[in-house]
Amino acid sequence: MTERDDSQEINLRQYLAVVRQKYWLVLIAIAVAVVPAVIFLVRAEPVYEASSRVLIEQSRALIDKEGPRTPGIYPEIE
């Protein structure tokens, strides 16, 4: 195996030192990416729209003199 030369190896601390020195540049890069995306998403019209309706039918067969046979369901009797 070959020995590594420590002078040529860049470690994580050196990367973090560079990022700390240029933190404003990192913030500007993030803002340049995020701000237009947020503006686009807020102004975009929805492409799809959905709606649903539930139709519940009352069956007279479930209603007898004692009340409904299904527990928890109390249909109105006209």
N, C-alpha and C. Protein backbone atom coordinates (compact mmCIF):
# COMPACT_ATOMS: atom_id res chain seq x y z
N MET A 1 0.84 -1.18 0.00
CA MET A 1 0.00 0.00 0.00
C MET A 1 0.88 1.25 0.00
N THR A 2 0.36 2.28 -0.58
CA THR A 2 1.11 3.52 -0.61
C THR A 2 0.68 4.41 0.54
N GLU A 3 1.63 5.20 1.02
CA GLU A 3 1.33 6.13 2.09
C GLU A 3 0.69 7.38 1.51
N ARG A 4 -0.29 7.91 2.21
CA ARG A 4 -0.96 9.13 1.75
C ARG A 4 -0.17 10.34 2.19
N ASP A 5 -0.16 11.32 1.32
CA ASP A 5 0.51 12.57 1.65
C ASP A 5 -0.52 13.49 2.30
N ASP A 6 -0.36 13.82 3.58
CA ASP A 6 -1.32 14.63 4.32
C ASP A 6 -1.44 16.04 3.76
N SER A 7 -0.43 16.53 3.10
CA SER A 7 -0.50 17.89 2.57
C SER A 7 -1.45 17.99 1.38
N GLN A 8 -1.69 16.90 0.68
CA GLN A 8 -2.57 16.93 -0.48
C GLN A 8 -3.99 16.50 -0.13
N GLU A 9 -4.20 15.93 1.01
CA GLU A 9 -5.51 15.44 1.41
C GLU A 9 -6.32 16.59 2.02
N ILE A 10 -7.54 16.77 1.54
CA ILE A 10 -8.43 17.80 2.08
C ILE A 10 -9.44 17.11 2.97
N ASN A 11 -9.55 17.55 4.20
CA ASN A 11 -10.48 16.91 5.11
C ASN A 11 -11.75 17.75 5.29
N LEU A 12 -12.67 17.22 6.03
CA LEU A 12 -13.97 17.85 6.23
C LEU A 12 -13.84 19.20 6.94
N ARG A 13 -12.92 19.34 7.84
CA ARG A 13 -12.75 20.61 8.55
C ARG A 13 -12.37 21.74 7.61
N GLN A 14 -11.58 21.43 6.62
CA GLN A 14 -11.20 22.46 5.65
C GLN A 14 -12.41 22.87 4.81
N TYR A 15 -13.24 21.90 4.43
CA TYR A 15 -14.46 22.24 3.68
C TYR A 15 -15.38 23.11 4.52
N LEU A 16 -15.56 22.75 5.78
CA LEU A 16 -16.42 23.53 6.66
C LEU A 16 -15.86 24.94 6.88
N ALA A 17 -14.56 25.06 6.94
CA ALA A 17 -13.95 26.38 7.09
C ALA A 17 -14.25 27.27 5.89
N VAL A 18 -14.20 26.69 4.70
CA VAL A 18 -14.52 27.45 3.49
C VAL A 18 -15.99 27.85 3.49
N VAL A 19 -16.86 26.94 3.88
CA VAL A 19 -18.30 27.24 3.93
C VAL A 19 -18.58 28.34 4.95
N ARG A 20 -17.91 28.30 6.10
CA ARG A 20 -18.09 29.35 7.11
C ARG A 20 -17.63 30.70 6.60
N GLN A 21 -16.57 30.72 5.84
CA GLN A 21 -16.08 31.98 5.30
C GLN A 21 -17.03 32.55 4.26
N LYS A 22 -17.68 31.70 3.53
CA LYS A 22 -18.56 32.13 2.43
C LYS A 22 -20.03 31.83 2.71
N TYR A 23 -20.44 31.91 3.98
CA TYR A 23 -21.81 31.57 4.33
C TYR A 23 -22.82 32.47 3.63
N TRP A 24 -22.50 33.71 3.41
CA TRP A 24 -23.42 34.63 2.72
C TRP A 24 -23.62 34.19 1.29
N LEU A 25 -22.57 33.65 0.67
CA LEU A 25 -22.71 33.16 -0.70
C LEU A 25 -23.60 31.92 -0.75
N VAL A 26 -23.50 31.07 0.26
CA VAL A 26 -24.36 29.89 0.36
C VAL A 26 -25.80 30.32 0.56
N LEU A 27 -26.04 31.30 1.41
CA LEU A 27 -27.41 31.79 1.64
C LEU A 27 -28.00 32.40 0.37
N ILE A 28 -27.20 33.15 -0.36
CA ILE A 28 -27.69 33.75 -1.62
C ILE A 28 -28.03 32.65 -2.62
N ALA A 29 -27.21 31.62 -2.71
CA ALA A 29 -27.47 30.52 -3.64
C ALA A 29 -28.77 29.80 -3.28
N ILE A 30 -29.00 29.60 -1.99
CA ILE A 30 -30.25 28.96 -1.55
C ILE A 30 -31.44 29.85 -1.87
N ALA A 31 -31.31 31.15 -1.61
CA ALA A 31 -32.41 32.08 -1.89
C ALA A 31 -32.71 32.15 -3.38
N VAL A 32 -31.67 32.12 -4.20
CA VAL A 32 -31.87 32.16 -5.66
C VAL A 32 -32.62 30.92 -6.12
N ALA A 33 -32.45 29.81 -5.46
CA ALA A 33 -33.15 28.59 -5.84
C ALA A 33 -34.55 28.52 -5.25
N VAL A 34 -34.73 28.98 -4.01
CA VAL A 34 -36.00 28.78 -3.31
C VAL A 34 -37.03 29.86 -3.65
N VAL A 35 -36.62 31.11 -3.70
CA VAL A 35 -37.57 32.20 -3.90
C VAL A 35 -38.33 32.07 -5.23
N PRO A 36 -37.68 31.86 -6.36
CA PRO A 36 -38.46 31.69 -7.60
C PRO A 36 -39.39 30.47 -7.57
N ALA A 37 -38.94 29.40 -6.93
CA ALA A 37 -39.79 28.21 -6.84
C ALA A 37 -41.04 28.50 -6.02
N VAL A 38 -40.91 29.21 -4.92
CA VAL A 38 -42.07 29.54 -4.08
C VAL A 38 -43.00 30.48 -4.83
N ILE A 39 -42.45 31.46 -5.51
CA ILE A 39 -43.29 32.39 -6.28
C ILE A 39 -44.05 31.64 -7.36
N PHE A 40 -43.38 30.74 -8.05
CA PHE A 40 -44.05 29.96 -9.09
C PHE A 40 -45.17 29.10 -8.51
N LEU A 41 -44.92 28.44 -7.40
CA LEU A 41 -45.93 27.56 -6.81
C LEU A 41 -47.12 28.33 -6.27
N VAL A 42 -46.89 29.52 -5.75
CA VAL A 42 -47.99 30.32 -5.20
C VAL A 42 -48.86 30.87 -6.33
N ARG A 43 -48.24 31.27 -7.42
CA ARG A 43 -48.99 31.89 -8.51
C ARG A 43 -49.60 30.88 -9.48
N ALA A 44 -49.16 29.65 -9.46
CA ALA A 44 -49.64 28.64 -10.40
C ALA A 44 -51.10 28.29 -10.13
N GLU A 45 -51.86 28.16 -11.21
CA GLU A 45 -53.25 27.74 -11.08
C GLU A 45 -53.29 26.22 -10.96
N PRO A 46 -54.21 25.70 -10.17
CA PRO A 46 -54.29 24.25 -10.03
C PRO A 46 -54.71 23.60 -11.35
N VAL A 47 -54.08 22.49 -11.67
CA VAL A 47 -54.35 21.81 -12.92
C VAL A 47 -55.56 20.88 -12.77
N TYR A 48 -55.63 20.21 -11.66
CA TYR A 48 -56.71 19.27 -11.42
C TYR A 48 -57.59 19.76 -10.28
N GLU A 49 -58.88 19.48 -10.41
CA GLU A 49 -59.81 19.81 -9.35
C GLU A 49 -60.75 18.62 -9.19
N ALA A 50 -61.01 18.26 -7.97
CA ALA A 50 -61.84 17.10 -7.71
C ALA A 50 -62.96 17.48 -6.75
N SER A 51 -64.08 16.81 -6.93
CA SER A 51 -65.17 16.96 -5.99
C SER A 51 -65.88 15.61 -5.89
N SER A 52 -66.57 15.42 -4.81
CA SER A 52 -67.28 14.17 -4.63
C SER A 52 -68.57 14.42 -3.88
N ARG A 53 -69.50 13.52 -4.07
CA ARG A 53 -70.78 13.60 -3.39
C ARG A 53 -71.15 12.20 -2.93
N VAL A 54 -71.57 12.10 -1.70
CA VAL A 54 -71.98 10.81 -1.16
C VAL A 54 -73.49 10.80 -1.06
N LEU A 55 -74.10 9.82 -1.67
CA LEU A 55 -75.55 9.67 -1.65
C LEU A 55 -75.89 8.54 -0.69
N ILE A 56 -76.62 8.89 0.35
CA ILE A 56 -77.02 7.89 1.34
C ILE A 56 -78.51 7.67 1.20
N GLU A 57 -78.87 6.43 0.90
CA GLU A 57 -80.29 6.10 0.75
C GLU A 57 -80.77 5.40 2.02
N GLN A 58 -81.98 5.75 2.42
CA GLN A 58 -82.57 5.09 3.57
C GLN A 58 -83.40 3.91 3.08
N SER A 59 -83.22 2.82 3.73
CA SER A 59 -84.00 1.65 3.38
C SER A 59 -85.02 1.40 4.49
N ARG A 60 -86.25 1.30 4.12
CA ARG A 60 -87.31 1.07 5.11
C ARG A 60 -87.20 -0.33 5.73
N ALA A 61 -86.48 -1.26 5.07
CA ALA A 61 -86.35 -2.61 5.59
C ALA A 61 -85.50 -2.64 6.86
N LEU A 62 -84.60 -1.65 7.02
CA LEU A 62 -83.76 -1.61 8.21
C LEU A 62 -84.46 -1.02 9.42
N ILE A 63 -85.60 -0.40 9.20
CA ILE A 63 -86.31 0.26 10.29
C ILE A 63 -87.52 -0.57 10.69
N ASP A 64 -87.59 -0.92 11.94
CA ASP A 64 -88.78 -1.60 12.43
C ASP A 64 -89.27 -0.86 13.67
N LYS A 65 -90.13 -1.44 14.43
CA LYS A 65 -90.72 -0.78 15.58
C LYS A 65 -89.69 -0.50 16.67
N GLU A 66 -88.63 -1.30 16.76
CA GLU A 66 -87.64 -1.15 17.81
C GLU A 66 -86.54 -0.15 17.44
N GLY A 67 -86.43 0.26 16.22
CA GLY A 67 -85.38 1.19 15.79
C GLY A 67 -84.50 0.53 14.74
N PRO A 68 -83.43 1.18 14.43
CA PRO A 68 -82.55 0.63 13.39
C PRO A 68 -81.83 -0.62 13.86
N ARG A 69 -81.57 -1.54 12.93
CA ARG A 69 -80.88 -2.78 13.27
C ARG A 69 -79.36 -2.62 13.26
N THR A 70 -78.89 -1.61 12.58
CA THR A 70 -77.45 -1.37 12.54
C THR A 70 -77.10 -0.41 13.66
N PRO A 71 -76.24 -0.81 14.59
CA PRO A 71 -75.91 0.07 15.70
C PRO A 71 -75.17 1.31 15.23
N GLY A 72 -75.54 2.45 15.78
CA GLY A 72 -74.87 3.69 15.45
C GLY A 72 -75.46 4.44 14.29
N ILE A 73 -76.42 3.85 13.58
CA ILE A 73 -77.05 4.53 12.44
C ILE A 73 -78.51 4.76 12.78
N TYR A 74 -78.92 6.02 12.79
CA TYR A 74 -80.30 6.37 13.14
C TYR A 74 -80.89 7.22 12.03
N PRO A 75 -81.46 6.60 11.02
CA PRO A 75 -82.05 7.39 9.92
C PRO A 75 -83.32 8.08 10.39
N GLU A 76 -83.58 9.20 9.73
CA GLU A 76 -84.82 9.94 10.07
C GLU A 76 -86.01 9.21 9.45
N ILE A 77 -87.10 9.14 10.19
CA ILE A 77 -88.33 8.52 9.70
C ILE A 77 -89.31 9.64 9.35
N GLU A 78 -89.79 9.62 8.11
CA GLU A 78 -90.74 10.66 7.68
C GLU A 78 -92.16 10.26 7.98
